[in-house]
């Protein structure tokens, strides 16, 4: 074994660690003043337009597509609503408003025609089918001798 390694192992606390010199570094901060160039200052103005709320009527169109799809007008209104939403995402507000207006008109037509059809069907049942069925039931009961 080496003498230095023995001394290191045997006398761990006997030896004083070597002194290290502390290196001091000075850092200076320069104080910057106004720019020394006498060129004119240019500014940039960015006009951010507020987002205009363009309703795309997609929920109304989906409702009309599922429940009141008269002559496929609900589906066509849904297609225009999706086009309006796509135009809005791209940033084309004018195109989005155009498609939304068309979807709104189609939704109104679908809703009116659907309601008229539903009311007409109920009136048809009340005036034509139910009296006929009740008359047939009454005749059948009389023929059996029930009344």
N, C-alpha and C. Protein backbone atom coordinates (compact mmCIF):
# COMPACT_ATOMS: atom_id res chain seq x y z
N UNK A 1 0.83 -1.18 0.00
CA UNK A 1 0.00 0.00 0.00
C UNK A 1 0.86 1.23 0.00
N UNK A 2 0.36 2.22 -0.51
CA UNK A 2 1.06 3.49 -0.60
C UNK A 2 0.99 4.20 0.74
N UNK A 3 2.03 4.95 1.06
CA UNK A 3 2.10 5.65 2.34
C UNK A 3 1.03 6.76 2.42
N UNK A 4 0.78 7.40 1.31
CA UNK A 4 -0.21 8.47 1.30
C UNK A 4 -1.62 7.92 1.49
N UNK A 5 -1.89 6.79 0.89
CA UNK A 5 -3.21 6.22 1.04
C UNK A 5 -3.43 5.73 2.45
N UNK A 6 -2.34 5.18 3.11
CA UNK A 6 -2.48 4.76 4.50
C UNK A 6 -2.74 5.96 5.40
N UNK A 7 -2.00 6.99 5.15
CA UNK A 7 -2.17 8.18 5.96
C UNK A 7 -3.58 8.75 5.79
N UNK A 8 -4.07 8.67 4.58
CA UNK A 8 -5.40 9.18 4.32
C UNK A 8 -6.45 8.33 5.03
N UNK A 9 -6.27 7.00 4.99
CA UNK A 9 -7.24 6.12 5.61
C UNK A 9 -7.11 6.16 7.12
N UNK A 10 -5.89 6.10 7.64
CA UNK A 10 -5.70 6.05 9.09
C UNK A 10 -5.96 7.40 9.74
N UNK A 11 -5.48 8.43 9.19
CA UNK A 11 -5.59 9.72 9.84
C UNK A 11 -6.55 10.65 9.12
N UNK A 12 -7.73 10.26 9.09
CA UNK A 12 -8.72 11.04 8.38
C UNK A 12 -8.91 12.40 9.04
N UNK A 13 -8.96 12.43 10.35
CA UNK A 13 -9.21 13.68 11.05
C UNK A 13 -7.92 14.39 11.41
N UNK A 14 -6.81 13.77 11.21
CA UNK A 14 -5.54 14.35 11.62
C UNK A 14 -5.09 15.45 10.67
N UNK A 15 -5.43 15.36 9.44
CA UNK A 15 -4.92 16.31 8.46
C UNK A 15 -5.93 17.43 8.24
N UNK A 16 -5.48 18.66 8.13
CA UNK A 16 -6.33 19.81 7.90
C UNK A 16 -6.53 19.95 6.40
N UNK A 17 -7.75 20.18 5.99
CA UNK A 17 -7.96 20.28 4.55
C UNK A 17 -7.23 21.50 3.99
N UNK A 18 -6.84 21.41 2.75
CA UNK A 18 -6.11 22.53 2.17
C UNK A 18 -7.01 23.76 2.05
N UNK A 19 -6.42 24.92 2.12
CA UNK A 19 -7.21 26.15 2.03
C UNK A 19 -7.42 26.49 0.56
N UNK A 20 -8.58 26.90 0.29
CA UNK A 20 -8.92 27.29 -1.07
C UNK A 20 -8.97 28.80 -1.13
N UNK A 21 -8.52 29.32 -2.19
CA UNK A 21 -8.57 30.77 -2.33
C UNK A 21 -9.92 31.16 -2.94
N UNK A 22 -10.50 32.19 -2.42
CA UNK A 22 -11.79 32.67 -2.88
C UNK A 22 -11.55 33.66 -4.01
N UNK A 23 -12.18 33.38 -5.10
CA UNK A 23 -12.05 34.24 -6.26
C UNK A 23 -13.25 35.17 -6.27
N UNK A 24 -12.99 36.43 -6.20
CA UNK A 24 -14.06 37.41 -6.24
C UNK A 24 -14.13 37.98 -7.63
N UNK A 25 -15.33 37.98 -8.13
CA UNK A 25 -15.54 38.58 -9.43
C UNK A 25 -16.46 39.76 -9.26
N UNK A 26 -16.11 40.82 -9.83
CA UNK A 26 -16.95 42.00 -9.74
C UNK A 26 -17.73 42.13 -11.03
N UNK A 27 -19.00 42.33 -10.83
CA UNK A 27 -19.88 42.51 -11.97
C UNK A 27 -20.42 43.92 -11.91
N UNK A 28 -20.29 44.60 -12.95
CA UNK A 28 -20.80 45.95 -13.00
C UNK A 28 -22.03 46.01 -13.88
N UNK A 29 -22.95 46.86 -13.51
CA UNK A 29 -24.16 47.06 -14.28
C UNK A 29 -24.11 48.46 -14.85
N UNK A 30 -24.19 48.53 -16.13
CA UNK A 30 -24.15 49.83 -16.77
C UNK A 30 -25.55 50.41 -16.79
N UNK A 31 -25.68 51.64 -16.43
CA UNK A 31 -26.96 52.31 -16.44
C UNK A 31 -27.18 52.86 -17.84
N UNK A 32 -28.22 52.40 -18.46
CA UNK A 32 -28.50 52.83 -19.82
C UNK A 32 -29.48 53.99 -19.77
N UNK A 33 -29.23 54.96 -20.51
CA UNK A 33 -30.12 56.10 -20.56
C UNK A 33 -30.96 56.05 -21.81
N UNK A 34 -31.37 57.17 -22.26
CA UNK A 34 -32.16 57.28 -23.48
C UNK A 34 -31.30 56.89 -24.67
N UNK A 35 -31.91 56.42 -25.73
CA UNK A 35 -31.11 56.07 -26.90
C UNK A 35 -30.40 57.30 -27.46
N UNK A 36 -29.21 57.04 -27.93
CA UNK A 36 -28.38 58.13 -28.41
C UNK A 36 -28.68 58.48 -29.86
N UNK A 37 -29.48 57.67 -30.54
CA UNK A 37 -29.79 57.91 -31.95
C UNK A 37 -30.90 58.93 -32.02
N UNK A 38 -30.77 59.88 -32.87
CA UNK A 38 -31.78 60.94 -32.96
C UNK A 38 -32.78 60.68 -34.08
N UNK A 39 -33.01 59.41 -34.42
CA UNK A 39 -33.97 59.06 -35.46
C UNK A 39 -35.38 59.19 -34.89
N UNK A 40 -36.37 59.48 -35.73
CA UNK A 40 -37.74 59.59 -35.22
C UNK A 40 -38.26 58.23 -34.76
N UNK A 41 -39.03 58.26 -33.71
CA UNK A 41 -39.59 57.03 -33.15
C UNK A 41 -40.83 56.67 -33.95
N UNK A 42 -40.88 55.43 -34.41
CA UNK A 42 -42.04 54.96 -35.16
C UNK A 42 -42.85 54.04 -34.26
N UNK A 43 -44.14 54.15 -34.37
CA UNK A 43 -45.02 53.30 -33.58
C UNK A 43 -45.89 52.48 -34.52
N UNK A 44 -46.31 51.36 -34.03
CA UNK A 44 -47.17 50.48 -34.79
C UNK A 44 -48.49 50.34 -34.04
N UNK A 45 -49.56 50.59 -34.71
CA UNK A 45 -50.89 50.47 -34.11
C UNK A 45 -51.59 49.28 -34.74
N UNK A 46 -52.05 48.38 -33.89
CA UNK A 46 -52.77 47.20 -34.34
C UNK A 46 -54.21 47.36 -33.92
N UNK A 47 -55.10 47.46 -34.87
CA UNK A 47 -56.52 47.57 -34.58
C UNK A 47 -57.11 46.18 -34.47
N UNK A 48 -57.57 45.83 -33.29
CA UNK A 48 -58.20 44.54 -33.07
C UNK A 48 -59.70 44.77 -33.05
N UNK A 49 -60.38 44.18 -34.00
CA UNK A 49 -61.81 44.36 -34.08
C UNK A 49 -62.48 43.43 -33.07
N UNK A 50 -63.45 43.95 -32.36
CA UNK A 50 -64.15 43.07 -31.41
C UNK A 50 -64.90 41.99 -32.18
N UNK A 51 -64.93 40.83 -31.59
CA UNK A 51 -65.61 39.72 -32.25
C UNK A 51 -67.11 39.98 -32.28
N UNK A 52 -67.64 39.99 -33.47
CA UNK A 52 -69.08 40.17 -33.59
C UNK A 52 -69.74 38.80 -33.44
N UNK A 53 -70.75 38.77 -32.64
CA UNK A 53 -71.45 37.51 -32.38
C UNK A 53 -72.38 37.23 -33.55
N UNK A 54 -72.00 36.25 -34.35
CA UNK A 54 -72.83 35.82 -35.47
C UNK A 54 -73.48 34.51 -35.06
N UNK A 55 -74.78 34.52 -34.82
CA UNK A 55 -75.44 33.26 -34.45
C UNK A 55 -75.51 32.34 -35.66
N UNK A 56 -75.11 31.09 -35.46
CA UNK A 56 -75.12 30.16 -36.58
C UNK A 56 -76.36 29.26 -36.58
N UNK A 57 -77.18 29.31 -35.56
CA UNK A 57 -78.46 28.58 -35.47
C UNK A 57 -78.28 27.07 -35.62
N UNK A 58 -77.16 26.54 -35.16
CA UNK A 58 -76.89 25.12 -35.38
C UNK A 58 -77.77 24.23 -34.50
N UNK A 59 -78.09 24.67 -33.29
CA UNK A 59 -78.93 23.86 -32.41
C UNK A 59 -80.36 23.80 -32.95
N UNK A 60 -80.85 24.94 -33.39
CA UNK A 60 -82.19 25.00 -33.97
C UNK A 60 -82.26 24.14 -35.22
N UNK A 61 -81.22 24.20 -36.05
CA UNK A 61 -81.19 23.39 -37.27
C UNK A 61 -81.14 21.91 -36.95
N UNK A 62 -80.38 21.55 -35.92
CA UNK A 62 -80.31 20.14 -35.53
C UNK A 62 -81.67 19.65 -35.02
N UNK A 63 -82.36 20.48 -34.23
CA UNK A 63 -83.70 20.12 -33.77
C UNK A 63 -84.64 19.92 -34.95
N UNK A 64 -84.62 20.86 -35.91
CA UNK A 64 -85.50 20.74 -37.08
C UNK A 64 -85.13 19.53 -37.93
N UNK A 65 -83.85 19.21 -38.02
CA UNK A 65 -83.42 18.04 -38.79
C UNK A 65 -83.95 16.75 -38.16
N UNK A 66 -83.90 16.68 -36.84
CA UNK A 66 -84.30 15.44 -36.16
C UNK A 66 -85.83 15.31 -36.09
N UNK A 67 -86.53 16.40 -35.76
CA UNK A 67 -87.96 16.29 -35.47
C UNK A 67 -88.88 16.80 -36.57
N UNK A 68 -88.51 17.85 -37.27
CA UNK A 68 -89.42 18.47 -38.24
C UNK A 68 -88.78 18.55 -39.63
N UNK A 69 -88.24 17.50 -40.11
CA UNK A 69 -87.49 17.53 -41.37
C UNK A 69 -88.46 17.49 -42.56
N UNK A 70 -89.22 18.57 -42.74
CA UNK A 70 -90.20 18.65 -43.82
C UNK A 70 -89.46 18.91 -45.12
N UNK A 71 -89.62 18.03 -46.09
CA UNK A 71 -88.97 18.15 -47.41
C UNK A 71 -87.47 18.36 -47.29
N UNK A 72 -86.86 17.81 -46.28
CA UNK A 72 -85.41 17.92 -46.02
C UNK A 72 -84.96 19.36 -45.79
N UNK A 73 -85.87 20.26 -45.46
CA UNK A 73 -85.48 21.65 -45.18
C UNK A 73 -84.65 21.75 -43.90
N UNK A 74 -84.93 20.90 -42.93
CA UNK A 74 -84.15 20.91 -41.70
C UNK A 74 -82.70 20.52 -41.95
N UNK A 75 -82.50 19.53 -42.82
CA UNK A 75 -81.15 19.10 -43.15
C UNK A 75 -80.39 20.19 -43.92
N UNK A 76 -81.08 20.85 -44.83
CA UNK A 76 -80.44 21.93 -45.60
C UNK A 76 -80.09 23.09 -44.66
N UNK A 77 -80.98 23.40 -43.72
CA UNK A 77 -80.70 24.45 -42.73
C UNK A 77 -79.50 24.07 -41.87
N UNK A 78 -79.39 22.80 -41.52
CA UNK A 78 -78.24 22.33 -40.75
C UNK A 78 -76.95 22.48 -41.54
N UNK A 79 -76.99 22.19 -42.83
CA UNK A 79 -75.80 22.35 -43.68
C UNK A 79 -75.38 23.82 -43.75
N UNK A 80 -76.33 24.72 -43.89
CA UNK A 80 -76.00 26.14 -43.91
C UNK A 80 -75.48 26.62 -42.55
N UNK A 81 -75.99 26.05 -41.47
CA UNK A 81 -75.49 26.41 -40.15
C UNK A 81 -74.04 25.99 -39.97
N UNK A 82 -73.71 24.80 -40.46
CA UNK A 82 -72.32 24.34 -40.38
C UNK A 82 -71.42 25.21 -41.25
N UNK A 83 -71.90 25.60 -42.43
CA UNK A 83 -71.12 26.51 -43.28
C UNK A 83 -70.90 27.85 -42.58
N UNK A 84 -71.92 28.34 -41.90
CA UNK A 84 -71.80 29.60 -41.17
C UNK A 84 -70.76 29.48 -40.07
N UNK A 85 -70.77 28.38 -39.35
CA UNK A 85 -69.78 28.18 -38.28
C UNK A 85 -68.37 28.08 -38.86
N UNK A 86 -68.21 27.42 -39.99
CA UNK A 86 -66.90 27.33 -40.64
C UNK A 86 -66.39 28.71 -41.06
N UNK A 87 -67.26 29.51 -41.65
CA UNK A 87 -66.89 30.87 -42.07
C UNK A 87 -66.49 31.72 -40.86
N UNK A 88 -67.21 31.52 -39.74
CA UNK A 88 -66.90 32.28 -38.53
C UNK A 88 -65.54 31.88 -37.98
N UNK A 89 -65.20 30.61 -38.06
CA UNK A 89 -63.90 30.14 -37.56
C UNK A 89 -62.75 30.68 -38.42
N UNK A 90 -62.99 30.83 -39.72
CA UNK A 90 -61.96 31.34 -40.61
C UNK A 90 -61.78 32.85 -40.41
N UNK A 91 -62.83 33.52 -39.96
CA UNK A 91 -62.77 34.96 -39.77
C UNK A 91 -63.56 35.75 -40.79
N UNK A 92 -64.28 35.06 -41.65
CA UNK A 92 -65.09 35.72 -42.67
C UNK A 92 -66.46 36.03 -42.08
N UNK A 93 -66.59 37.22 -41.49
CA UNK A 93 -67.82 37.58 -40.80
C UNK A 93 -68.97 37.77 -41.78
N UNK A 94 -68.68 38.36 -42.92
CA UNK A 94 -69.73 38.60 -43.92
C UNK A 94 -70.30 37.29 -44.45
N UNK A 95 -69.43 36.35 -44.78
CA UNK A 95 -69.89 35.04 -45.24
C UNK A 95 -70.66 34.29 -44.17
N UNK A 96 -70.20 34.41 -42.93
CA UNK A 96 -70.89 33.74 -41.82
C UNK A 96 -72.29 34.32 -41.63
N UNK A 97 -72.41 35.64 -41.75
CA UNK A 97 -73.73 36.26 -41.61
C UNK A 97 -74.66 35.85 -42.74
N UNK A 98 -74.12 35.72 -43.94
CA UNK A 98 -74.94 35.31 -45.09
C UNK A 98 -75.47 33.89 -44.91
N UNK A 99 -74.58 32.97 -44.55
CA UNK A 99 -75.00 31.59 -44.34
C UNK A 99 -75.96 31.48 -43.15
N UNK A 100 -75.71 32.26 -42.10
CA UNK A 100 -76.58 32.22 -40.91
C UNK A 100 -77.97 32.75 -41.25
N UNK A 101 -78.05 33.78 -42.09
CA UNK A 101 -79.34 34.32 -42.50
C UNK A 101 -80.14 33.29 -43.30
N UNK A 102 -79.45 32.60 -44.19
CA UNK A 102 -80.12 31.56 -44.98
C UNK A 102 -80.59 30.42 -44.08
N UNK A 103 -79.74 30.02 -43.13
CA UNK A 103 -80.13 28.95 -42.20
C UNK A 103 -81.32 29.37 -41.35
N UNK A 104 -81.36 30.64 -40.94
CA UNK A 104 -82.49 31.12 -40.15
C UNK A 104 -83.79 31.07 -40.94
N UNK A 105 -83.74 31.52 -42.21
CA UNK A 105 -84.95 31.47 -43.05
C UNK A 105 -85.43 30.04 -43.26
N UNK A 106 -84.49 29.13 -43.52
CA UNK A 106 -84.86 27.73 -43.71
C UNK A 106 -85.42 27.12 -42.43
N UNK A 107 -84.86 27.50 -41.30
CA UNK A 107 -85.37 27.00 -40.02
C UNK A 107 -86.79 27.51 -39.76
N UNK A 108 -87.05 28.77 -40.08
CA UNK A 108 -88.40 29.31 -39.90
C UNK A 108 -89.39 28.58 -40.80
N UNK A 109 -89.01 28.36 -42.07
CA UNK A 109 -89.90 27.63 -42.99
C UNK A 109 -90.14 26.21 -42.51
N UNK A 110 -89.09 25.55 -42.03
CA UNK A 110 -89.23 24.18 -41.55
C UNK A 110 -90.14 24.13 -40.33
N UNK A 111 -89.95 25.07 -39.41
CA UNK A 111 -90.76 25.09 -38.21
C UNK A 111 -92.23 25.35 -38.52
N UNK A 112 -92.51 26.32 -39.40
CA UNK A 112 -93.90 26.64 -39.75
C UNK A 112 -94.55 25.47 -40.47
N UNK A 113 -93.86 24.91 -41.45
CA UNK A 113 -94.44 23.77 -42.18
C UNK A 113 -94.62 22.55 -41.27
N UNK A 114 -93.68 22.32 -40.38
CA UNK A 114 -93.79 21.20 -39.45
C UNK A 114 -94.96 21.36 -38.49
N UNK A 115 -95.12 22.58 -37.96
CA UNK A 115 -96.25 22.82 -37.06
C UNK A 115 -97.58 22.75 -37.78
N UNK A 116 -97.64 23.31 -38.98
CA UNK A 116 -98.88 23.21 -39.76
C UNK A 116 -99.21 21.75 -40.09
N UNK A 117 -98.21 20.98 -40.44
CA UNK A 117 -98.43 19.56 -40.72
C UNK A 117 -98.90 18.80 -39.50
N UNK A 118 -98.31 19.10 -38.35
CA UNK A 118 -98.72 18.42 -37.11
C UNK A 118 -100.14 18.80 -36.72
N UNK A 119 -100.45 20.09 -36.79
CA UNK A 119 -101.81 20.54 -36.46
C UNK A 119 -102.82 19.97 -37.46
N UNK A 120 -102.47 19.96 -38.74
CA UNK A 120 -103.35 19.38 -39.76
C UNK A 120 -103.60 17.91 -39.53
N UNK A 121 -102.58 17.17 -39.12
CA UNK A 121 -102.73 15.74 -38.85
C UNK A 121 -103.65 15.51 -37.66
N UNK A 122 -103.51 16.34 -36.62
CA UNK A 122 -104.38 16.20 -35.44
C UNK A 122 -105.83 16.53 -35.81
N UNK A 123 -106.03 17.56 -36.60
CA UNK A 123 -107.39 17.92 -37.04
C UNK A 123 -107.98 16.81 -37.90
N UNK A 124 -107.17 16.24 -38.78
CA UNK A 124 -107.63 15.12 -39.62
C UNK A 124 -108.05 13.95 -38.75
N UNK A 125 -107.25 13.63 -37.74
CA UNK A 125 -107.62 12.54 -36.84
C UNK A 125 -108.91 12.85 -36.10
N UNK A 126 -109.04 14.09 -35.64
CA UNK A 126 -110.22 14.45 -34.84
C UNK A 126 -111.49 14.50 -35.67
N UNK A 127 -111.40 14.94 -36.92
CA UNK A 127 -112.61 15.13 -37.72
C UNK A 127 -112.96 13.93 -38.61
N UNK A 128 -111.96 13.18 -39.03
CA UNK A 128 -112.24 12.12 -39.99
C UNK A 128 -112.09 10.73 -39.37
N UNK A 129 -110.96 10.47 -38.74
CA UNK A 129 -110.68 9.11 -38.28
C UNK A 129 -111.47 8.76 -37.04
N UNK A 130 -111.44 9.61 -36.01
CA UNK A 130 -112.12 9.27 -34.76
C UNK A 130 -113.64 9.15 -34.92
N UNK A 131 -114.32 10.04 -35.65
CA UNK A 131 -115.78 9.82 -35.83
C UNK A 131 -116.08 8.54 -36.61
N UNK A 132 -115.24 8.24 -37.60
CA UNK A 132 -115.47 7.02 -38.37
C UNK A 132 -115.29 5.79 -37.49
N UNK A 133 -114.24 5.81 -36.67
CA UNK A 133 -113.99 4.66 -35.79
C UNK A 133 -115.09 4.56 -34.74
N UNK A 134 -115.48 5.70 -34.18
CA UNK A 134 -116.54 5.63 -33.15
C UNK A 134 -117.87 5.19 -33.75
N UNK A 135 -118.16 5.59 -35.00
CA UNK A 135 -119.39 5.15 -35.67
C UNK A 135 -119.33 3.64 -35.93
N UNK A 136 -118.17 3.16 -36.37
CA UNK A 136 -118.03 1.72 -36.65
C UNK A 136 -118.17 0.92 -35.36
N UNK A 137 -117.61 1.41 -34.27
CA UNK A 137 -117.70 0.70 -32.99
C UNK A 137 -119.15 0.70 -32.52
N UNK A 138 -119.84 1.82 -32.70
CA UNK A 138 -121.25 1.91 -32.28
C UNK A 138 -122.11 0.94 -33.10
N UNK A 139 -121.89 0.86 -34.41
CA UNK A 139 -122.65 -0.06 -35.26
C UNK A 139 -122.36 -1.51 -34.88
N UNK A 140 -121.13 -1.81 -34.58
CA UNK A 140 -120.78 -3.19 -34.20
C UNK A 140 -121.45 -3.57 -32.89
N UNK A 141 -121.48 -2.65 -31.97
CA UNK A 141 -122.13 -2.94 -30.68
C UNK A 141 -123.65 -3.13 -30.85
N UNK A 142 -124.27 -2.33 -31.72
CA UNK A 142 -125.71 -2.45 -31.95
C UNK A 142 -126.04 -3.78 -32.64
N UNK A 143 -125.20 -4.21 -33.56
CA UNK A 143 -125.44 -5.48 -34.27
C UNK A 143 -125.29 -6.66 -33.34
N UNK A 144 -124.43 -6.57 -32.33
CA UNK A 144 -124.28 -7.65 -31.39
C UNK A 144 -125.40 -7.68 -30.38
N UNK A 145 -126.10 -6.57 -30.30
CA UNK A 145 -127.20 -6.51 -29.34
C UNK A 145 -126.76 -5.91 -28.02
N UNK A 146 -125.65 -5.29 -27.97
CA UNK A 146 -125.17 -4.70 -26.73
C UNK A 146 -125.91 -3.45 -26.34
N UNK A 147 -126.44 -2.68 -27.27
CA UNK A 147 -127.16 -1.46 -26.94
C UNK A 147 -128.60 -1.62 -27.24
